[in-house]
Amino acid sequence: MKLLVINGPNINFLGIREKSVYGTQDYDYLLRMISEKGEQENCRIEVFQSNHEGAVIDRIQEAYFDGTEGIVINPGAYTHYSYAIRDALASIAVPKVEIHISNIMEREAFRKVSVTAPACDKQIYGHGLEGYLEAIDFLLAKKQD
């Protein structure tokens, strides 16, 4: 199975930004964790990160053509206002999971609203970096259905 993990703005600053919210593990740790999961599950997982909305949209659209069978996305702040990313996600007919490291329901009011989640099959939040692994497990299970 070929999966795509997309990380939006500031996710590359894990371990640097707001450690009390996002933890102390850095972005390289997350990449290793995802890579190891791919090896364990015998699936190919590509990770893409960008701080630019258009680049995220371009990568989602590329997934339509490159054989991607499932998408895990942490849109970062774009979660709350990017209808363009929402529309790109809705255009791709593969299972999708929106992931958030922190518990967005226990944070500022604006974080509780996701315009991108309705274009996804599932939303996971508040499980730390482990949420990525849960999202991958969900997509692998969907493939077996």
N, C-alpha and C. Protein backbone atom coordinates (compact mmCIF):
# COMPACT_ATOMS: atom_id res chain seq x y z
N MET A 1 0.85 -1.18 0.00
CA MET A 1 0.00 0.00 0.00
C MET A 1 0.89 1.23 0.00
N LYS A 2 0.45 2.25 -0.73
CA LYS A 2 1.19 3.49 -0.80
C LYS A 2 0.40 4.58 -0.07
N LEU A 3 1.01 5.13 0.99
CA LEU A 3 0.38 6.18 1.79
C LEU A 3 1.18 7.47 1.69
N LEU A 4 0.46 8.56 1.88
CA LEU A 4 1.07 9.88 1.89
C LEU A 4 0.72 10.57 3.20
N VAL A 5 1.73 11.06 3.90
CA VAL A 5 1.54 11.86 5.10
C VAL A 5 1.91 13.29 4.74
N ILE A 6 0.96 14.20 4.93
CA ILE A 6 1.19 15.61 4.62
C ILE A 6 1.17 16.40 5.92
N ASN A 7 2.21 17.18 6.14
CA ASN A 7 2.30 18.06 7.30
C ASN A 7 2.33 19.50 6.83
N GLY A 8 1.46 20.30 7.38
CA GLY A 8 1.37 21.70 7.02
C GLY A 8 2.31 22.57 7.83
N PRO A 9 1.98 23.85 7.93
CA PRO A 9 2.89 24.84 8.51
C PRO A 9 3.28 24.55 9.96
N ASN A 10 4.54 24.75 10.20
CA ASN A 10 5.16 24.70 11.52
C ASN A 10 5.33 23.30 12.10
N ILE A 11 4.82 22.27 11.42
CA ILE A 11 5.01 20.92 11.93
C ILE A 11 6.51 20.57 11.91
N ASN A 12 7.24 21.14 10.97
CA ASN A 12 8.69 20.92 10.92
C ASN A 12 9.41 21.50 12.13
N PHE A 13 8.71 22.29 12.94
CA PHE A 13 9.31 22.88 14.14
C PHE A 13 8.97 22.11 15.41
N LEU A 14 8.55 20.85 15.25
CA LEU A 14 8.34 20.01 16.44
C LEU A 14 9.62 19.97 17.26
N GLY A 15 9.46 19.98 18.56
CA GLY A 15 10.62 19.97 19.45
C GLY A 15 11.22 21.35 19.67
N ILE A 16 10.75 22.31 18.89
CA ILE A 16 11.22 23.69 19.01
C ILE A 16 10.09 24.58 19.53
N ARG A 17 8.92 24.45 18.91
CA ARG A 17 7.80 25.33 19.24
C ARG A 17 6.91 24.73 20.33
N GLU A 18 6.48 25.54 21.23
CA GLU A 18 5.48 25.20 22.25
C GLU A 18 5.59 23.75 22.73
N LYS A 19 6.70 23.44 23.35
CA LYS A 19 6.95 22.08 23.81
C LYS A 19 5.89 21.58 24.78
N SER A 20 5.30 22.47 25.54
CA SER A 20 4.26 22.06 26.48
C SER A 20 2.99 21.60 25.76
N VAL A 21 2.82 22.00 24.51
CA VAL A 21 1.66 21.61 23.70
C VAL A 21 2.00 20.45 22.78
N TYR A 22 3.15 20.53 22.10
CA TYR A 22 3.48 19.58 21.04
C TYR A 22 4.54 18.56 21.43
N GLY A 23 5.09 18.66 22.62
CA GLY A 23 6.08 17.71 23.08
C GLY A 23 7.50 18.11 22.73
N THR A 24 8.43 17.28 23.17
CA THR A 24 9.85 17.59 22.99
C THR A 24 10.50 16.82 21.85
N GLN A 25 9.78 15.84 21.29
CA GLN A 25 10.34 15.10 20.16
C GLN A 25 10.38 16.00 18.93
N ASP A 26 11.47 15.91 18.17
CA ASP A 26 11.61 16.78 17.01
C ASP A 26 11.02 16.15 15.75
N TYR A 27 11.05 16.90 14.66
CA TYR A 27 10.46 16.44 13.40
C TYR A 27 11.15 15.19 12.87
N ASP A 28 12.47 15.11 13.03
CA ASP A 28 13.19 13.92 12.59
C ASP A 28 12.71 12.68 13.34
N TYR A 29 12.37 12.84 14.60
CA TYR A 29 11.82 11.72 15.37
C TYR A 29 10.51 11.25 14.75
N LEU A 30 9.65 12.20 14.39
CA LEU A 30 8.38 11.85 13.75
C LEU A 30 8.64 11.12 12.43
N LEU A 31 9.57 11.60 11.64
CA LEU A 31 9.88 10.96 10.37
C LEU A 31 10.37 9.53 10.57
N ARG A 32 11.23 9.32 11.56
CA ARG A 32 11.72 7.97 11.86
C ARG A 32 10.58 7.06 12.31
N MET A 33 9.71 7.58 13.14
CA MET A 33 8.58 6.82 13.65
C MET A 33 7.68 6.35 12.49
N ILE A 34 7.40 7.25 11.57
CA ILE A 34 6.56 6.92 10.42
C ILE A 34 7.27 5.91 9.51
N SER A 35 8.54 6.11 9.29
CA SER A 35 9.32 5.19 8.46
C SER A 35 9.32 3.78 9.04
N GLU A 36 9.54 3.69 10.34
CA GLU A 36 9.53 2.39 11.01
C GLU A 36 8.17 1.72 10.90
N LYS A 37 7.11 2.50 11.01
CA LYS A 37 5.76 1.97 10.87
C LYS A 37 5.56 1.40 9.46
N GLY A 38 6.03 2.13 8.47
CA GLY A 38 5.94 1.65 7.10
C GLY A 38 6.66 0.32 6.90
N GLU A 39 7.84 0.21 7.48
CA GLU A 39 8.60 -1.04 7.39
C GLU A 39 7.87 -2.18 8.08
N GLN A 40 7.34 -1.93 9.27
CA GLN A 40 6.61 -2.95 10.02
C GLN A 40 5.39 -3.45 9.25
N GLU A 41 4.71 -2.54 8.60
CA GLU A 41 3.45 -2.86 7.91
C GLU A 41 3.67 -3.21 6.43
N ASN A 42 4.93 -3.17 5.99
CA ASN A 42 5.26 -3.45 4.60
C ASN A 42 4.47 -2.56 3.63
N CYS A 43 4.45 -1.28 3.94
CA CYS A 43 3.81 -0.33 3.03
C CYS A 43 4.76 0.85 2.81
N ARG A 44 4.57 1.50 1.70
CA ARG A 44 5.40 2.65 1.35
C ARG A 44 4.71 3.91 1.86
N ILE A 45 5.42 4.68 2.66
CA ILE A 45 4.87 5.91 3.20
C ILE A 45 5.78 7.07 2.83
N GLU A 46 5.23 8.01 2.09
CA GLU A 46 5.96 9.24 1.77
C GLU A 46 5.48 10.32 2.72
N VAL A 47 6.42 11.12 3.22
CA VAL A 47 6.07 12.25 4.08
C VAL A 47 6.43 13.54 3.34
N PHE A 48 5.48 14.45 3.34
CA PHE A 48 5.65 15.75 2.69
C PHE A 48 5.31 16.82 3.72
N GLN A 49 6.12 17.87 3.77
CA GLN A 49 5.85 18.99 4.67
C GLN A 49 6.06 20.28 3.92
N SER A 50 5.13 21.22 4.13
CA SER A 50 5.31 22.55 3.56
C SER A 50 4.63 23.58 4.44
N ASN A 51 5.21 24.76 4.46
CA ASN A 51 4.61 25.90 5.15
C ASN A 51 3.77 26.74 4.20
N HIS A 52 3.59 26.25 2.97
CA HIS A 52 2.90 27.01 1.93
C HIS A 52 1.62 26.29 1.48
N GLU A 53 0.53 26.98 1.55
CA GLU A 53 -0.77 26.40 1.22
C GLU A 53 -0.80 25.81 -0.19
N GLY A 54 -0.31 26.55 -1.16
CA GLY A 54 -0.32 26.07 -2.54
C GLY A 54 0.48 24.80 -2.73
N ALA A 55 1.60 24.66 -2.03
CA ALA A 55 2.41 23.46 -2.13
C ALA A 55 1.66 22.25 -1.57
N VAL A 56 0.92 22.47 -0.48
CA VAL A 56 0.12 21.39 0.10
C VAL A 56 -0.96 20.96 -0.91
N ILE A 57 -1.61 21.91 -1.52
CA ILE A 57 -2.64 21.61 -2.52
C ILE A 57 -2.03 20.88 -3.71
N ASP A 58 -0.89 21.36 -4.18
CA ASP A 58 -0.22 20.69 -5.30
C ASP A 58 0.09 19.23 -4.97
N ARG A 59 0.56 18.98 -3.74
CA ARG A 59 0.91 17.60 -3.36
C ARG A 59 -0.34 16.72 -3.27
N ILE A 60 -1.42 17.26 -2.76
CA ILE A 60 -2.67 16.50 -2.72
C ILE A 60 -3.10 16.14 -4.14
N GLN A 61 -3.03 17.10 -5.04
CA GLN A 61 -3.41 16.84 -6.43
C GLN A 61 -2.48 15.81 -7.09
N GLU A 62 -1.20 15.87 -6.80
CA GLU A 62 -0.27 14.88 -7.34
C GLU A 62 -0.64 13.47 -6.89
N ALA A 63 -1.19 13.37 -5.68
CA ALA A 63 -1.59 12.06 -5.15
C ALA A 63 -2.62 11.38 -6.03
N TYR A 64 -3.41 12.16 -6.73
CA TYR A 64 -4.41 11.61 -7.65
C TYR A 64 -3.74 10.79 -8.75
N PHE A 65 -2.57 11.22 -9.17
CA PHE A 65 -1.88 10.61 -10.31
C PHE A 65 -0.80 9.59 -9.93
N ASP A 66 -0.32 9.61 -8.69
CA ASP A 66 0.87 8.80 -8.37
C ASP A 66 0.60 7.48 -7.65
N GLY A 67 -0.65 7.08 -7.58
CA GLY A 67 -0.97 5.79 -6.97
C GLY A 67 -1.14 5.81 -5.47
N THR A 68 -1.22 6.97 -4.88
CA THR A 68 -1.45 7.07 -3.44
C THR A 68 -2.79 6.43 -3.10
N GLU A 69 -2.79 5.58 -2.05
CA GLU A 69 -3.99 4.84 -1.67
C GLU A 69 -4.62 5.34 -0.37
N GLY A 70 -3.97 6.27 0.30
CA GLY A 70 -4.50 6.84 1.53
C GLY A 70 -3.66 8.04 1.95
N ILE A 71 -4.31 9.00 2.59
CA ILE A 71 -3.63 10.24 3.00
C ILE A 71 -3.86 10.49 4.48
N VAL A 72 -2.78 10.78 5.17
CA VAL A 72 -2.82 11.31 6.54
C VAL A 72 -2.41 12.77 6.41
N ILE A 73 -3.21 13.67 6.95
CA ILE A 73 -2.86 15.09 6.83
C ILE A 73 -2.99 15.80 8.17
N ASN A 74 -1.94 16.54 8.51
CA ASN A 74 -1.98 17.49 9.61
C ASN A 74 -1.87 18.86 8.96
N PRO A 75 -3.01 19.51 8.69
CA PRO A 75 -2.96 20.78 7.98
C PRO A 75 -2.44 21.95 8.81
N GLY A 76 -2.14 21.71 10.09
CA GLY A 76 -1.70 22.80 10.94
C GLY A 76 -2.77 23.89 10.98
N ALA A 77 -2.35 25.13 10.97
CA ALA A 77 -3.29 26.25 11.05
C ALA A 77 -4.25 26.31 9.86
N TYR A 78 -3.88 25.70 8.74
CA TYR A 78 -4.79 25.69 7.58
C TYR A 78 -6.08 24.93 7.88
N THR A 79 -6.05 24.09 8.90
CA THR A 79 -7.24 23.35 9.33
C THR A 79 -8.44 24.26 9.48
N HIS A 80 -8.19 25.45 9.98
CA HIS A 80 -9.27 26.32 10.44
C HIS A 80 -9.82 27.26 9.39
N TYR A 81 -9.14 27.34 8.24
CA TYR A 81 -9.63 28.32 7.26
C TYR A 81 -9.35 27.99 5.80
N SER A 82 -8.65 26.90 5.51
CA SER A 82 -8.29 26.66 4.11
C SER A 82 -9.34 25.81 3.39
N TYR A 83 -10.28 26.51 2.79
CA TYR A 83 -11.27 25.81 1.97
C TYR A 83 -10.60 25.26 0.72
N ALA A 84 -9.50 25.86 0.30
CA ALA A 84 -8.78 25.36 -0.86
C ALA A 84 -8.19 23.97 -0.58
N ILE A 85 -7.61 23.78 0.60
CA ILE A 85 -7.09 22.46 0.97
C ILE A 85 -8.25 21.50 1.16
N ARG A 86 -9.34 21.94 1.75
CA ARG A 86 -10.53 21.11 1.91
C ARG A 86 -11.02 20.63 0.55
N ASP A 87 -11.11 21.52 -0.42
CA ASP A 87 -11.58 21.15 -1.75
C ASP A 87 -10.62 20.18 -2.43
N ALA A 88 -9.32 20.38 -2.25
CA ALA A 88 -8.34 19.45 -2.84
C ALA A 88 -8.50 18.06 -2.23
N LEU A 89 -8.66 17.99 -0.91
CA LEU A 89 -8.88 16.70 -0.26
C LEU A 89 -10.15 16.03 -0.77
N ALA A 90 -11.21 16.80 -0.93
CA ALA A 90 -12.48 16.25 -1.40
C ALA A 90 -12.38 15.73 -2.83
N SER A 91 -11.41 16.21 -3.58
CA SER A 91 -11.23 15.81 -4.98
C SER A 91 -10.57 14.45 -5.13
N ILE A 92 -9.94 13.97 -4.08
CA ILE A 92 -9.17 12.72 -4.15
C ILE A 92 -9.99 11.61 -3.49
N ALA A 93 -10.33 10.60 -4.28
CA ALA A 93 -11.20 9.51 -3.80
C ALA A 93 -10.40 8.38 -3.16
N VAL A 94 -9.63 8.72 -2.12
CA VAL A 94 -8.93 7.73 -1.31
C VAL A 94 -9.27 8.03 0.15
N PRO A 95 -9.14 7.05 1.03
CA PRO A 95 -9.38 7.33 2.47
C PRO A 95 -8.39 8.38 2.98
N LYS A 96 -8.89 9.25 3.84
CA LYS A 96 -8.08 10.34 4.38
C LYS A 96 -8.34 10.48 5.88
N VAL A 97 -7.29 10.78 6.63
CA VAL A 97 -7.39 11.01 8.06
C VAL A 97 -6.74 12.34 8.39
N GLU A 98 -7.48 13.20 9.09
CA GLU A 98 -6.91 14.45 9.60
C GLU A 98 -6.37 14.19 10.99
N ILE A 99 -5.15 14.61 11.22
CA ILE A 99 -4.46 14.37 12.50
C ILE A 99 -4.04 15.69 13.13
N HIS A 100 -4.16 15.75 14.45
CA HIS A 100 -3.64 16.88 15.23
C HIS A 100 -2.94 16.32 16.45
N ILE A 101 -1.76 16.80 16.72
CA ILE A 101 -0.96 16.32 17.84
C ILE A 101 -1.61 16.70 19.17
N SER A 102 -2.04 17.94 19.27
CA SER A 102 -2.65 18.42 20.52
C SER A 102 -4.15 18.15 20.50
N ASN A 103 -4.76 18.31 21.65
CA ASN A 103 -6.22 18.16 21.74
C ASN A 103 -6.83 19.51 21.37
N ILE A 104 -7.20 19.65 20.12
CA ILE A 104 -7.72 20.93 19.62
C ILE A 104 -9.02 21.33 20.29
N MET A 105 -9.73 20.38 20.89
CA MET A 105 -10.99 20.70 21.57
C MET A 105 -10.78 21.31 22.95
N GLU A 106 -9.55 21.28 23.43
CA GLU A 106 -9.24 21.86 24.73
C GLU A 106 -8.35 23.10 24.62
N ARG A 107 -8.29 23.65 23.42
CA ARG A 107 -7.45 24.82 23.19
C ARG A 107 -8.30 26.02 22.85
N GLU A 108 -7.72 27.00 22.18
CA GLU A 108 -8.44 28.21 21.82
C GLU A 108 -9.68 27.86 20.98
N ALA A 109 -10.68 28.72 21.05
CA ALA A 109 -11.95 28.47 20.36
C ALA A 109 -11.76 28.25 18.86
N PHE A 110 -10.89 29.04 18.22
CA PHE A 110 -10.73 28.92 16.77
C PHE A 110 -10.18 27.56 16.36
N ARG A 111 -9.45 26.88 17.25
CA ARG A 111 -8.86 25.58 16.92
C ARG A 111 -9.90 24.45 16.89
N LYS A 112 -11.04 24.70 17.48
CA LYS A 112 -12.09 23.67 17.53
C LYS A 112 -12.81 23.51 16.20
N VAL A 113 -12.63 24.47 15.31
CA VAL A 113 -13.30 24.45 14.01
C VAL A 113 -12.33 23.93 12.95
N SER A 114 -12.75 22.87 12.26
CA SER A 114 -11.95 22.34 11.16
C SER A 114 -12.79 22.39 9.89
N VAL A 115 -12.29 23.13 8.90
CA VAL A 115 -12.98 23.15 7.60
C VAL A 115 -12.49 21.98 6.74
N THR A 116 -11.38 21.36 7.11
CA THR A 116 -10.83 20.26 6.32
C THR A 116 -11.34 18.89 6.75
N ALA A 117 -11.71 18.73 8.01
CA ALA A 117 -12.15 17.42 8.51
C ALA A 117 -13.33 16.82 7.74
N PRO A 118 -14.32 17.63 7.31
CA PRO A 118 -15.43 17.02 6.58
C PRO A 118 -15.01 16.35 5.26
N ALA A 119 -13.85 16.67 4.74
CA ALA A 119 -13.36 16.03 3.52
C ALA A 119 -12.55 14.77 3.83
N CYS A 120 -12.47 14.42 5.11
CA CYS A 120 -11.71 13.25 5.55
C CYS A 120 -12.66 12.20 6.11
N ASP A 121 -12.15 10.97 6.21
CA ASP A 121 -12.93 9.86 6.76
C ASP A 121 -12.88 9.81 8.27
N LYS A 122 -11.87 10.42 8.84
CA LYS A 122 -11.67 10.35 10.30
C LYS A 122 -10.83 11.54 10.73
N GLN A 123 -11.01 11.94 11.98
CA GLN A 123 -10.17 12.97 12.58
C GLN A 123 -9.63 12.42 13.90
N ILE A 124 -8.34 12.56 14.10
CA ILE A 124 -7.68 12.12 15.33
C ILE A 124 -6.99 13.33 15.93
N TYR A 125 -7.21 13.59 17.21
CA TYR A 125 -6.54 14.70 17.87
C TYR A 125 -6.27 14.36 19.33
N GLY A 126 -5.21 14.97 19.84
CA GLY A 126 -4.89 14.83 21.26
C GLY A 126 -4.13 13.57 21.64
N HIS A 127 -3.65 12.80 20.68
CA HIS A 127 -2.92 11.58 20.98
C HIS A 127 -1.42 11.73 20.74
N GLY A 128 -0.97 12.96 20.63
CA GLY A 128 0.45 13.20 20.39
C GLY A 128 0.89 12.64 19.06
N LEU A 129 2.16 12.33 18.95
CA LEU A 129 2.69 11.79 17.70
C LEU A 129 2.13 10.41 17.40
N GLU A 130 1.69 9.70 18.42
CA GLU A 130 1.07 8.38 18.23
C GLU A 130 -0.16 8.47 17.34
N GLY A 131 -0.78 9.62 17.29
CA GLY A 131 -1.94 9.80 16.42
C GLY A 131 -1.63 9.51 14.97
N TYR A 132 -0.40 9.79 14.55
CA TYR A 132 -0.01 9.47 13.17
C TYR A 132 -0.08 7.96 12.94
N LEU A 133 0.41 7.19 13.91
CA LEU A 133 0.39 5.73 13.78
C LEU A 133 -1.04 5.21 13.77
N GLU A 134 -1.89 5.80 14.60
CA GLU A 134 -3.31 5.43 14.61
C GLU A 134 -3.95 5.72 13.25
N ALA A 135 -3.59 6.84 12.67
CA ALA A 135 -4.14 7.20 11.35
C ALA A 135 -3.69 6.19 10.30
N ILE A 136 -2.42 5.81 10.34
CA ILE A 136 -1.91 4.81 9.40
C ILE A 136 -2.64 3.49 9.59
N ASP A 137 -2.83 3.07 10.84
CA ASP A 137 -3.57 1.83 11.12
C ASP A 137 -4.99 1.90 10.56
N PHE A 138 -5.64 3.04 10.70
CA PHE A 138 -6.99 3.22 10.16
C PHE A 138 -6.99 3.02 8.65
N LEU A 139 -6.02 3.63 7.97
CA LEU A 139 -5.96 3.51 6.51
C LEU A 139 -5.66 2.07 6.08
N LEU A 140 -4.79 1.41 6.81
CA LEU A 140 -4.48 0.01 6.48
C LEU A 140 -5.71 -0.86 6.67
N ALA A 141 -6.47 -0.62 7.72
CA ALA A 141 -7.71 -1.38 7.95
C ALA A 141 -8.74 -1.10 6.87
N LYS A 142 -8.83 0.17 6.42
CA LYS A 142 -9.77 0.52 5.35
C LYS A 142 -9.43 -0.24 4.07
N LYS A 143 -8.15 -0.42 3.82
CA LYS A 143 -7.71 -1.12 2.61
C LYS A 143 -8.19 -2.58 2.64
N GLN A 144 -8.24 -3.17 3.83
CA GLN A 144 -8.65 -4.57 3.95
C GLN A 144 -10.16 -4.75 3.86
N ASP A 145 -10.92 -3.67 4.03
CA ASP A 145 -12.39 -3.77 3.95
C ASP A 145 -12.87 -4.14 2.57
